[in-house]
């Protein structure tokens, strides 16, 4: 691997974190999805979410995003944002189930076809009501992730 590549630089950045979903495969663990995040001050920004094509719509992205919320809570972030293609209604519905709402639009955001992106956000990660709602989703869809209530109180 070229250690000067943008990808390698991203992996070494103190601002970036990647969550990787794996499952057992014939030759060891195989990557089936990932989510990338950037942390700046008290904000978390999801830079990418990807799931292997044949495993989409199986809950992997939801679990990755719930884990991303957990990381945001660990870092005491107050909001989590991301961009999503205006045409990607399925992803938008998923994000809405996590309490995200459309906060703005980025015109011509995607370089491949100049498609607009919706900026979506969930605010109030520092409030008990939002943490409780996300924790209920975590218990339902990703019980292996530590409790968000515990994360919010670590270091208090």
Foldseek 3Di string as FASTA:
>chain_A
DPCPDPVNVQPPDPQKDKDWDWDQDPVGIDTFWMWMWGDDDQEIETEDTDGHPVCPPVLPSLQRVLVVLLVSLLVNHFKYKYKDFPPCVVVVVSVVLLVKDFDAKDALPDPVPRTIITIIMHGGSLDPVSLVSSQVVCVVRPVVRDRSVVSNPVPD
